[in-house]
mmCIF file of all heavy atoms, coordinates in Angstrom:
data_MODEL
# 
_entry.id   MODEL 
# 
loop_
_atom_site.group_PDB 
_atom_site.id 
_atom_site.type_symbol 
_atom_site.label_atom_id 
_atom_site.label_alt_id 
_atom_site.label_comp_id 
_atom_site.label_asym_id 
_atom_site.label_entity_id 
_atom_site.label_seq_id 
_atom_site.pdbx_PDB_ins_code 
_atom_site.Cartn_x 
_atom_site.Cartn_y 
_atom_site.Cartn_z 
_atom_site.occupancy 
_atom_site.B_iso_or_equiv 
_atom_site.pdbx_formal_charge 
_atom_site.auth_seq_id 
_atom_site.auth_comp_id 
_atom_site.auth_asym_id 
_atom_site.auth_atom_id 
_atom_site.pdbx_PDB_model_num 
ATOM 1   N N   . TYR A 1 1  ? -40.500 -66.231 -21.110 1.00 0.00 ? 1  TYR A N   1 
ATOM 2   C CA  . TYR A 1 1  ? -40.747 -67.435 -21.911 1.00 0.00 ? 1  TYR A CA  1 
ATOM 3   C C   . TYR A 1 1  ? -39.656 -67.598 -22.968 1.00 0.00 ? 1  TYR A C   1 
ATOM 4   O O   . TYR A 1 1  ? -39.250 -66.632 -23.617 1.00 0.00 ? 1  TYR A O   1 
ATOM 5   C CB  . TYR A 1 1  ? -42.095 -67.355 -22.613 1.00 0.00 ? 1  TYR A CB  1 
ATOM 6   C CG  . TYR A 1 1  ? -43.300 -67.491 -21.705 1.00 0.00 ? 1  TYR A CG  1 
ATOM 7   C CD1 . TYR A 1 1  ? -43.943 -66.360 -21.203 1.00 0.00 ? 1  TYR A CD1 1 
ATOM 8   C CD2 . TYR A 1 1  ? -43.791 -68.744 -21.356 1.00 0.00 ? 1  TYR A CD2 1 
ATOM 9   C CE1 . TYR A 1 1  ? -45.047 -66.477 -20.372 1.00 0.00 ? 1  TYR A CE1 1 
ATOM 10  C CE2 . TYR A 1 1  ? -44.903 -68.868 -20.530 1.00 0.00 ? 1  TYR A CE2 1 
ATOM 11  C CZ  . TYR A 1 1  ? -45.518 -67.722 -20.042 1.00 0.00 ? 1  TYR A CZ  1 
ATOM 12  O OH  . TYR A 1 1  ? -46.618 -67.845 -19.224 1.00 0.00 ? 1  TYR A OH  1 
ATOM 13  N N   . TYR A 1 2  ? -39.225 -68.843 -23.157 1.00 0.00 ? 2  TYR A N   1 
ATOM 14  C CA  . TYR A 1 2  ? -38.246 -69.169 -24.190 1.00 0.00 ? 2  TYR A CA  1 
ATOM 15  C C   . TYR A 1 2  ? -38.726 -70.406 -24.939 1.00 0.00 ? 2  TYR A C   1 
ATOM 16  O O   . TYR A 1 2  ? -39.235 -71.361 -24.332 1.00 0.00 ? 2  TYR A O   1 
ATOM 17  C CB  . TYR A 1 2  ? -36.865 -69.448 -23.581 1.00 0.00 ? 2  TYR A CB  1 
ATOM 18  C CG  . TYR A 1 2  ? -36.193 -68.220 -23.026 1.00 0.00 ? 2  TYR A CG  1 
ATOM 19  C CD1 . TYR A 1 2  ? -36.453 -67.794 -21.724 1.00 0.00 ? 2  TYR A CD1 1 
ATOM 20  C CD2 . TYR A 1 2  ? -35.306 -67.478 -23.802 1.00 0.00 ? 2  TYR A CD2 1 
ATOM 21  C CE1 . TYR A 1 2  ? -35.847 -66.652 -21.200 1.00 0.00 ? 2  TYR A CE1 1 
ATOM 22  C CE2 . TYR A 1 2  ? -34.689 -66.343 -23.290 1.00 0.00 ? 2  TYR A CE2 1 
ATOM 23  C CZ  . TYR A 1 2  ? -34.967 -65.940 -22.003 1.00 0.00 ? 2  TYR A CZ  1 
ATOM 24  O OH  . TYR A 1 2  ? -34.373 -64.803 -21.510 1.00 0.00 ? 2  TYR A OH  1 
ATOM 25  N N   . ILE A 1 3  ? -38.572 -70.378 -26.250 1.00 0.00 ? 3  ILE A N   1 
ATOM 26  C CA  . ILE A 1 3  ? -38.917 -71.523 -27.107 1.00 0.00 ? 3  ILE A CA  1 
ATOM 27  C C   . ILE A 1 3  ? -37.619 -72.142 -27.604 1.00 0.00 ? 3  ILE A C   1 
ATOM 28  O O   . ILE A 1 3  ? -36.760 -71.440 -28.157 1.00 0.00 ? 3  ILE A O   1 
ATOM 29  C CB  . ILE A 1 3  ? -39.773 -71.092 -28.313 1.00 0.00 ? 3  ILE A CB  1 
ATOM 30  C CG1 . ILE A 1 3  ? -40.935 -70.216 -27.857 1.00 0.00 ? 3  ILE A CG1 1 
ATOM 31  C CG2 . ILE A 1 3  ? -40.264 -72.313 -29.074 1.00 0.00 ? 3  ILE A CG2 1 
ATOM 32  C CD1 . ILE A 1 3  ? -41.863 -70.866 -26.883 1.00 0.00 ? 3  ILE A CD1 1 
ATOM 33  N N   . ILE A 1 4  ? -37.463 -73.438 -27.410 1.00 0.00 ? 4  ILE A N   1 
ATOM 34  C CA  . ILE A 1 4  ? -36.251 -74.146 -27.818 1.00 0.00 ? 4  ILE A CA  1 
ATOM 35  C C   . ILE A 1 4  ? -36.603 -75.118 -28.941 1.00 0.00 ? 4  ILE A C   1 
ATOM 36  O O   . ILE A 1 4  ? -37.500 -75.960 -28.801 1.00 0.00 ? 4  ILE A O   1 
ATOM 37  C CB  . ILE A 1 4  ? -35.628 -74.897 -26.623 1.00 0.00 ? 4  ILE A CB  1 
ATOM 38  C CG1 . ILE A 1 4  ? -35.170 -73.897 -25.561 1.00 0.00 ? 4  ILE A CG1 1 
ATOM 39  C CG2 . ILE A 1 4  ? -34.461 -75.772 -27.076 1.00 0.00 ? 4  ILE A CG2 1 
ATOM 40  C CD1 . ILE A 1 4  ? -34.853 -74.513 -24.234 1.00 0.00 ? 4  ILE A CD1 1 
ATOM 41  N N   . LEU A 1 5  ? -35.900 -74.985 -30.054 1.00 0.00 ? 5  LEU A N   1 
ATOM 42  C CA  . LEU A 1 5  ? -36.041 -75.894 -31.195 1.00 0.00 ? 5  LEU A CA  1 
ATOM 43  C C   . LEU A 1 5  ? -34.688 -76.542 -31.428 1.00 0.00 ? 5  LEU A C   1 
ATOM 44  O O   . LEU A 1 5  ? -33.676 -75.846 -31.527 1.00 0.00 ? 5  LEU A O   1 
ATOM 45  C CB  . LEU A 1 5  ? -36.487 -75.125 -32.448 1.00 0.00 ? 5  LEU A CB  1 
ATOM 46  C CG  . LEU A 1 5  ? -37.766 -74.290 -32.326 1.00 0.00 ? 5  LEU A CG  1 
ATOM 47  C CD1 . LEU A 1 5  ? -37.998 -73.485 -33.590 1.00 0.00 ? 5  LEU A CD1 1 
ATOM 48  C CD2 . LEU A 1 5  ? -38.969 -75.177 -32.040 1.00 0.00 ? 5  LEU A CD2 1 
ATOM 49  N N   . ALA A 1 6  ? -34.657 -77.869 -31.529 1.00 0.00 ? 6  ALA A N   1 
ATOM 50  C CA  . ALA A 1 6  ? -33.381 -78.573 -31.681 1.00 0.00 ? 6  ALA A CA  1 
ATOM 51  C C   . ALA A 1 6  ? -33.528 -79.753 -32.633 1.00 0.00 ? 6  ALA A C   1 
ATOM 52  O O   . ALA A 1 6  ? -34.624 -80.266 -32.845 1.00 0.00 ? 6  ALA A O   1 
ATOM 53  C CB  . ALA A 1 6  ? -32.881 -79.056 -30.317 1.00 0.00 ? 6  ALA A CB  1 
ATOM 54  N N   . GLY A 1 7  ? -32.376 -80.162 -33.189 1.00 0.00 ? 7  GLY A N   1 
ATOM 55  C CA  . GLY A 1 7  ? -32.355 -81.310 -34.084 1.00 0.00 ? 7  GLY A CA  1 
ATOM 56  C C   . GLY A 1 7  ? -32.318 -80.934 -35.546 1.00 0.00 ? 7  GLY A C   1 
ATOM 57  O O   . GLY A 1 7  ? -32.367 -81.804 -36.418 1.00 0.00 ? 7  GLY A O   1 
ATOM 58  N N   . MET A 1 8  ? -32.220 -79.629 -35.849 1.00 0.00 ? 8  MET A N   1 
ATOM 59  C CA  . MET A 1 8  ? -32.200 -79.190 -37.245 1.00 0.00 ? 8  MET A CA  1 
ATOM 60  C C   . MET A 1 8  ? -30.823 -79.442 -37.868 1.00 0.00 ? 8  MET A C   1 
ATOM 61  O O   . MET A 1 8  ? -29.840 -79.653 -37.161 1.00 0.00 ? 8  MET A O   1 
ATOM 62  C CB  . MET A 1 8  ? -32.547 -77.700 -37.345 1.00 0.00 ? 8  MET A CB  1 
ATOM 63  C CG  . MET A 1 8  ? -33.952 -77.359 -36.873 1.00 0.00 ? 8  MET A CG  1 
ATOM 64  S SD  . MET A 1 8  ? -34.067 -77.104 -35.100 1.00 0.00 ? 8  MET A SD  1 
ATOM 65  C CE  . MET A 1 8  ? -33.223 -75.535 -34.912 1.00 0.00 ? 8  MET A CE  1 
ATOM 66  N N   . ASP A 1 9  ? -30.781 -79.365 -39.174 1.00 0.00 ? 9  ASP A N   1 
ATOM 67  C CA  . ASP A 1 9  ? -29.520 -79.510 -39.893 1.00 0.00 ? 9  ASP A CA  1 
ATOM 68  C C   . ASP A 1 9  ? -28.872 -78.155 -40.163 1.00 0.00 ? 9  ASP A C   1 
ATOM 69  O O   . ASP A 1 9  ? -27.647 -78.045 -40.170 1.00 0.00 ? 9  ASP A O   1 
ATOM 70  C CB  . ASP A 1 9  ? -29.756 -80.224 -41.232 1.00 0.00 ? 9  ASP A CB  1 
ATOM 71  C CG  . ASP A 1 9  ? -28.478 -80.397 -42.038 1.00 0.00 ? 9  ASP A CG  1 
ATOM 72  O OD1 . ASP A 1 9  ? -27.600 -81.149 -41.587 1.00 0.00 ? 9  ASP A OD1 1 
ATOM 73  O OD2 . ASP A 1 9  ? -28.365 -79.774 -43.115 1.00 0.00 ? 9  ASP A OD2 1 
ATOM 74  N N   . ARG A 1 10 ? -29.704 -77.127 -40.371 1.00 0.00 ? 10 ARG A N   1 
ATOM 75  C CA  . ARG A 1 10 ? -29.172 -75.796 -40.682 1.00 0.00 ? 10 ARG A CA  1 
ATOM 76  C C   . ARG A 1 10 ? -30.104 -74.736 -40.129 1.00 0.00 ? 10 ARG A C   1 
ATOM 77  O O   . ARG A 1 10 ? -31.322 -74.818 -40.284 1.00 0.00 ? 10 ARG A O   1 
ATOM 78  C CB  . ARG A 1 10 ? -29.037 -75.628 -42.196 1.00 0.00 ? 10 ARG A CB  1 
ATOM 79  C CG  . ARG A 1 10 ? -28.399 -74.319 -42.624 1.00 0.00 ? 10 ARG A CG  1 
ATOM 80  C CD  . ARG A 1 10 ? -28.211 -74.264 -44.134 1.00 0.00 ? 10 ARG A CD  1 
ATOM 81  N NE  . ARG A 1 10 ? -29.456 -74.134 -44.876 1.00 0.00 ? 10 ARG A NE  1 
ATOM 82  C CZ  . ARG A 1 10 ? -30.048 -75.112 -45.521 1.00 0.00 ? 10 ARG A CZ  1 
ATOM 83  N NH1 . ARG A 1 10 ? -29.511 -76.326 -45.521 1.00 0.00 ? 10 ARG A NH1 1 
ATOM 84  N NH2 . ARG A 1 10 ? -31.192 -74.914 -46.172 1.00 0.00 ? 10 ARG A NH2 1 
ATOM 85  N N   . ILE A 1 11 ? -29.530 -73.732 -39.453 1.00 0.00 ? 11 ILE A N   1 
ATOM 86  C CA  . ILE A 1 11 ? -30.295 -72.597 -38.935 1.00 0.00 ? 11 ILE A CA  1 
ATOM 87  C C   . ILE A 1 11 ? -29.995 -71.392 -39.821 1.00 0.00 ? 11 ILE A C   1 
ATOM 88  O O   . ILE A 1 11 ? -28.842 -71.136 -40.164 1.00 0.00 ? 11 ILE A O   1 
ATOM 89  C CB  . ILE A 1 11 ? -29.923 -72.298 -37.473 1.00 0.00 ? 11 ILE A CB  1 
ATOM 90  C CG1 . ILE A 1 11 ? -30.302 -73.483 -36.584 1.00 0.00 ? 11 ILE A CG1 1 
ATOM 91  C CG2 . ILE A 1 11 ? -30.619 -71.032 -36.982 1.00 0.00 ? 11 ILE A CG2 1 
ATOM 92  C CD1 . ILE A 1 11 ? -29.877 -73.329 -35.138 1.00 0.00 ? 11 ILE A CD1 1 
ATOM 93  N N   . ASN A 1 12 ? -31.036 -70.631 -40.181 1.00 0.00 ? 12 ASN A N   1 
ATOM 94  C CA  . ASN A 1 12 ? -30.826 -69.508 -41.087 1.00 0.00 ? 12 ASN A CA  1 
ATOM 95  C C   . ASN A 1 12 ? -31.260 -68.169 -40.484 1.00 0.00 ? 12 ASN A C   1 
ATOM 96  O O   . ASN A 1 12 ? -31.738 -67.287 -41.190 1.00 0.00 ? 12 ASN A O   1 
ATOM 97  C CB  . ASN A 1 12 ? -31.520 -69.744 -42.435 1.00 0.00 ? 12 ASN A CB  1 
ATOM 98  C CG  . ASN A 1 12 ? -32.953 -70.213 -42.269 1.00 0.00 ? 12 ASN A CG  1 
ATOM 99  O OD1 . ASN A 1 12 ? -33.690 -69.698 -41.437 1.00 0.00 ? 12 ASN A OD1 1 
ATOM 100 N ND2 . ASN A 1 12 ? -33.345 -71.207 -43.051 1.00 0.00 ? 12 ASN A ND2 1 
ATOM 101 N N   . VAL A 1 13 ? -31.117 -68.037 -39.154 1.00 0.00 ? 13 VAL A N   1 
ATOM 102 C CA  . VAL A 1 13 ? -31.298 -66.741 -38.491 1.00 0.00 ? 13 VAL A CA  1 
ATOM 103 C C   . VAL A 1 13 ? -30.072 -66.486 -37.615 1.00 0.00 ? 13 VAL A C   1 
ATOM 104 O O   . VAL A 1 13 ? -29.337 -67.415 -37.269 1.00 0.00 ? 13 VAL A O   1 
ATOM 105 C CB  . VAL A 1 13 ? -32.581 -66.697 -37.637 1.00 0.00 ? 13 VAL A CB  1 
ATOM 106 C CG1 . VAL A 1 13 ? -33.819 -66.795 -38.510 1.00 0.00 ? 13 VAL A CG1 1 
ATOM 107 C CG2 . VAL A 1 13 ? -32.594 -67.808 -36.594 1.00 0.00 ? 13 VAL A CG2 1 
ATOM 108 N N   . ASN A 1 14 ? -29.867 -65.220 -37.254 1.00 0.00 ? 14 ASN A N   1 
ATOM 109 C CA  . ASN A 1 14 ? -28.704 -64.834 -36.457 1.00 0.00 ? 14 ASN A CA  1 
ATOM 110 C C   . ASN A 1 14 ? -29.122 -64.489 -35.034 1.00 0.00 ? 14 ASN A C   1 
ATOM 111 O O   . ASN A 1 14 ? -30.271 -64.102 -34.775 1.00 0.00 ? 14 ASN A O   1 
ATOM 112 C CB  . ASN A 1 14 ? -28.016 -63.617 -37.086 1.00 0.00 ? 14 ASN A CB  1 
ATOM 113 C CG  . ASN A 1 14 ? -27.585 -63.891 -38.513 1.00 0.00 ? 14 ASN A CG  1 
ATOM 114 O OD1 . ASN A 1 14 ? -27.167 -64.994 -38.857 1.00 0.00 ? 14 ASN A OD1 1 
ATOM 115 N ND2 . ASN A 1 14 ? -27.687 -62.878 -39.367 1.00 0.00 ? 14 ASN A ND2 1 
ATOM 116 N N   . VAL A 1 15 ? -28.180 -64.603 -34.112 1.00 0.00 ? 15 VAL A N   1 
ATOM 117 C CA  . VAL A 1 15 ? -28.420 -64.242 -32.719 1.00 0.00 ? 15 VAL A CA  1 
ATOM 118 C C   . VAL A 1 15 ? -28.790 -62.755 -32.651 1.00 0.00 ? 15 VAL A C   1 
ATOM 119 O O   . VAL A 1 15 ? -28.167 -61.913 -33.290 1.00 0.00 ? 15 VAL A O   1 
ATOM 120 C CB  . VAL A 1 15 ? -27.178 -64.521 -31.861 1.00 0.00 ? 15 VAL A CB  1 
ATOM 121 C CG1 . VAL A 1 15 ? -27.371 -63.995 -30.436 1.00 0.00 ? 15 VAL A CG1 1 
ATOM 122 C CG2 . VAL A 1 15 ? -26.885 -66.018 -31.830 1.00 0.00 ? 15 VAL A CG2 1 
ATOM 123 N N   . GLY A 1 16 ? -29.820 -62.454 -31.880 1.00 0.00 ? 16 GLY A N   1 
ATOM 124 C CA  . GLY A 1 16 ? -30.274 -61.087 -31.737 1.00 0.00 ? 16 GLY A CA  1 
ATOM 125 C C   . GLY A 1 16 ? -31.321 -60.671 -32.755 1.00 0.00 ? 16 GLY A C   1 
ATOM 126 O O   . GLY A 1 16 ? -31.945 -59.616 -32.608 1.00 0.00 ? 16 GLY A O   1 
ATOM 127 N N   . GLN A 1 17 ? -31.555 -61.476 -33.772 1.00 0.00 ? 17 GLN A N   1 
ATOM 128 C CA  . GLN A 1 17 ? -32.500 -61.130 -34.838 1.00 0.00 ? 17 GLN A CA  1 
ATOM 129 C C   . GLN A 1 17 ? -33.935 -61.288 -34.348 1.00 0.00 ? 17 GLN A C   1 
ATOM 130 O O   . GLN A 1 17 ? -34.275 -62.259 -33.672 1.00 0.00 ? 17 GLN A O   1 
ATOM 131 C CB  . GLN A 1 17 ? -32.257 -62.027 -36.051 1.00 0.00 ? 17 GLN A CB  1 
ATOM 132 C CG  . GLN A 1 17 ? -33.201 -61.815 -37.214 1.00 0.00 ? 17 GLN A CG  1 
ATOM 133 C CD  . GLN A 1 17 ? -32.869 -62.730 -38.380 1.00 0.00 ? 17 GLN A CD  1 
ATOM 134 O OE1 . GLN A 1 17 ? -31.727 -63.198 -38.514 1.00 0.00 ? 17 GLN A OE1 1 
ATOM 135 N NE2 . GLN A 1 17 ? -33.847 -62.994 -39.225 1.00 0.00 ? 17 GLN A NE2 1 
ATOM 136 N N   . PHE A 1 18 ? -34.807 -60.319 -34.687 1.00 0.00 ? 18 PHE A N   1 
ATOM 137 C CA  . PHE A 1 18 ? -36.229 -60.448 -34.371 1.00 0.00 ? 18 PHE A CA  1 
ATOM 138 C C   . PHE A 1 18 ? -36.895 -61.336 -35.421 1.00 0.00 ? 18 PHE A C   1 
ATOM 139 O O   . PHE A 1 18 ? -36.698 -61.159 -36.621 1.00 0.00 ? 18 PHE A O   1 
ATOM 140 C CB  . PHE A 1 18 ? -36.915 -59.084 -34.347 1.00 0.00 ? 18 PHE A CB  1 
ATOM 141 C CG  . PHE A 1 18 ? -38.386 -59.163 -34.049 1.00 0.00 ? 18 PHE A CG  1 
ATOM 142 C CD1 . PHE A 1 18 ? -38.832 -59.542 -32.795 1.00 0.00 ? 18 PHE A CD1 1 
ATOM 143 C CD2 . PHE A 1 18 ? -39.327 -58.898 -35.042 1.00 0.00 ? 18 PHE A CD2 1 
ATOM 144 C CE1 . PHE A 1 18 ? -40.191 -59.635 -32.519 1.00 0.00 ? 18 PHE A CE1 1 
ATOM 145 C CE2 . PHE A 1 18 ? -40.685 -58.995 -34.775 1.00 0.00 ? 18 PHE A CE2 1 
ATOM 146 C CZ  . PHE A 1 18 ? -41.114 -59.362 -33.507 1.00 0.00 ? 18 PHE A CZ  1 
ATOM 147 N N   . ILE A 1 19 ? -37.676 -62.291 -34.954 1.00 0.00 ? 19 ILE A N   1 
ATOM 148 C CA  . ILE A 1 19 ? -38.289 -63.296 -35.823 1.00 0.00 ? 19 ILE A CA  1 
ATOM 149 C C   . ILE A 1 19 ? -39.802 -63.204 -35.710 1.00 0.00 ? 19 ILE A C   1 
ATOM 150 O O   . ILE A 1 19 ? -40.349 -63.090 -34.603 1.00 0.00 ? 19 ILE A O   1 
ATOM 151 C CB  . ILE A 1 19 ? -37.827 -64.715 -35.426 1.00 0.00 ? 19 ILE A CB  1 
ATOM 152 C CG1 . ILE A 1 19 ? -36.309 -64.802 -35.387 1.00 0.00 ? 19 ILE A CG1 1 
ATOM 153 C CG2 . ILE A 1 19 ? -38.398 -65.756 -36.367 1.00 0.00 ? 19 ILE A CG2 1 
ATOM 154 C CD1 . ILE A 1 19 ? -35.798 -66.040 -34.674 1.00 0.00 ? 19 ILE A CD1 1 
ATOM 155 N N   . LEU A 1 20 ? -40.464 -63.271 -36.833 1.00 0.00 ? 20 LEU A N   1 
ATOM 156 C CA  . LEU A 1 20 ? -41.931 -63.280 -36.854 1.00 0.00 ? 20 LEU A CA  1 
ATOM 157 C C   . LEU A 1 20 ? -42.451 -64.709 -36.726 1.00 0.00 ? 20 LEU A C   1 
ATOM 158 O O   . LEU A 1 20 ? -41.811 -65.662 -37.181 1.00 0.00 ? 20 LEU A O   1 
ATOM 159 C CB  . LEU A 1 20 ? -42.454 -62.676 -38.156 1.00 0.00 ? 20 LEU A CB  1 
ATOM 160 C CG  . LEU A 1 20 ? -42.079 -61.232 -38.477 1.00 0.00 ? 20 LEU A CG  1 
ATOM 161 C CD1 . LEU A 1 20 ? -42.686 -60.840 -39.816 1.00 0.00 ? 20 LEU A CD1 1 
ATOM 162 C CD2 . LEU A 1 20 ? -42.541 -60.293 -37.392 1.00 0.00 ? 20 LEU A CD2 1 
ATOM 163 N N   . ALA A 1 21 ? -43.618 -64.856 -36.126 1.00 0.00 ? 21 ALA A N   1 
ATOM 164 C CA  . ALA A 1 21 ? -44.275 -66.163 -36.096 1.00 0.00 ? 21 ALA A CA  1 
ATOM 165 C C   . ALA A 1 21 ? -44.544 -66.615 -37.525 1.00 0.00 ? 21 ALA A C   1 
ATOM 166 O O   . ALA A 1 21 ? -45.076 -65.861 -38.336 1.00 0.00 ? 21 ALA A O   1 
ATOM 167 C CB  . ALA A 1 21 ? -45.579 -66.081 -35.322 1.00 0.00 ? 21 ALA A CB  1 
ATOM 168 N N   . GLY A 1 22 ? -44.166 -67.837 -37.839 1.00 0.00 ? 22 GLY A N   1 
ATOM 169 C CA  . GLY A 1 22 ? -44.360 -68.367 -39.183 1.00 0.00 ? 22 GLY A CA  1 
ATOM 170 C C   . GLY A 1 22 ? -43.190 -68.142 -40.102 1.00 0.00 ? 22 GLY A C   1 
ATOM 171 O O   . GLY A 1 22 ? -43.175 -68.661 -41.221 1.00 0.00 ? 22 GLY A O   1 
ATOM 172 N N   . GLU A 1 23 ? -42.186 -67.373 -39.667 1.00 0.00 ? 23 GLU A N   1 
ATOM 173 C CA  . GLU A 1 23 ? -41.009 -67.141 -40.502 1.00 0.00 ? 23 GLU A CA  1 
ATOM 174 C C   . GLU A 1 23 ? -40.101 -68.370 -40.492 1.00 0.00 ? 23 GLU A C   1 
ATOM 175 O O   . GLU A 1 23 ? -39.933 -69.010 -39.448 1.00 0.00 ? 23 GLU A O   1 
ATOM 176 C CB  . GLU A 1 23 ? -40.223 -65.932 -39.974 1.00 0.00 ? 23 GLU A CB  1 
ATOM 177 C CG  . GLU A 1 23 ? -40.095 -64.815 -40.978 1.00 0.00 ? 23 GLU A CG  1 
ATOM 178 C CD  . GLU A 1 23 ? -39.176 -63.697 -40.505 1.00 0.00 ? 23 GLU A CD  1 
ATOM 179 O OE1 . GLU A 1 23 ? -39.293 -63.285 -39.353 1.00 0.00 ? 23 GLU A OE1 1 
ATOM 180 O OE2 . GLU A 1 23 ? -38.350 -63.263 -41.327 1.00 0.00 ? 23 GLU A OE2 1 
ATOM 181 N N   . PRO A 1 24 ? -39.483 -68.729 -41.612 1.00 0.00 ? 24 PRO A N   1 
ATOM 182 C CA  . PRO A 1 24 ? -38.579 -69.890 -41.630 1.00 0.00 ? 24 PRO A CA  1 
ATOM 183 C C   . PRO A 1 24 ? -37.311 -69.592 -40.847 1.00 0.00 ? 24 PRO A C   1 
ATOM 184 O O   . PRO A 1 24 ? -36.679 -68.552 -41.042 1.00 0.00 ? 24 PRO A O   1 
ATOM 185 C CB  . PRO A 1 24 ? -38.289 -70.084 -43.122 1.00 0.00 ? 24 PRO A CB  1 
ATOM 186 C CG  . PRO A 1 24 ? -38.498 -68.736 -43.731 1.00 0.00 ? 24 PRO A CG  1 
ATOM 187 C CD  . PRO A 1 24 ? -39.593 -68.089 -42.945 1.00 0.00 ? 24 PRO A CD  1 
ATOM 188 N N   . VAL A 1 25 ? -36.948 -70.498 -39.965 1.00 0.00 ? 25 VAL A N   1 
ATOM 189 C CA  . VAL A 1 25 ? -35.762 -70.297 -39.124 1.00 0.00 ? 25 VAL A CA  1 
ATOM 190 C C   . VAL A 1 25 ? -34.725 -71.395 -39.303 1.00 0.00 ? 25 VAL A C   1 
ATOM 191 O O   . VAL A 1 25 ? -33.560 -71.220 -38.938 1.00 0.00 ? 25 VAL A O   1 
ATOM 192 C CB  . VAL A 1 25 ? -36.153 -70.191 -37.636 1.00 0.00 ? 25 VAL A CB  1 
ATOM 193 C CG1 . VAL A 1 25 ? -36.966 -68.939 -37.388 1.00 0.00 ? 25 VAL A CG1 1 
ATOM 194 C CG2 . VAL A 1 25 ? -36.918 -71.436 -37.175 1.00 0.00 ? 25 VAL A CG2 1 
# 
């Protein structure tokens, strides 16, 4: 499964980083 989010102005996570549900990305 992959989740795709698009249309943002700025992303504040890095490739390979583990992200928690609810964390700002």
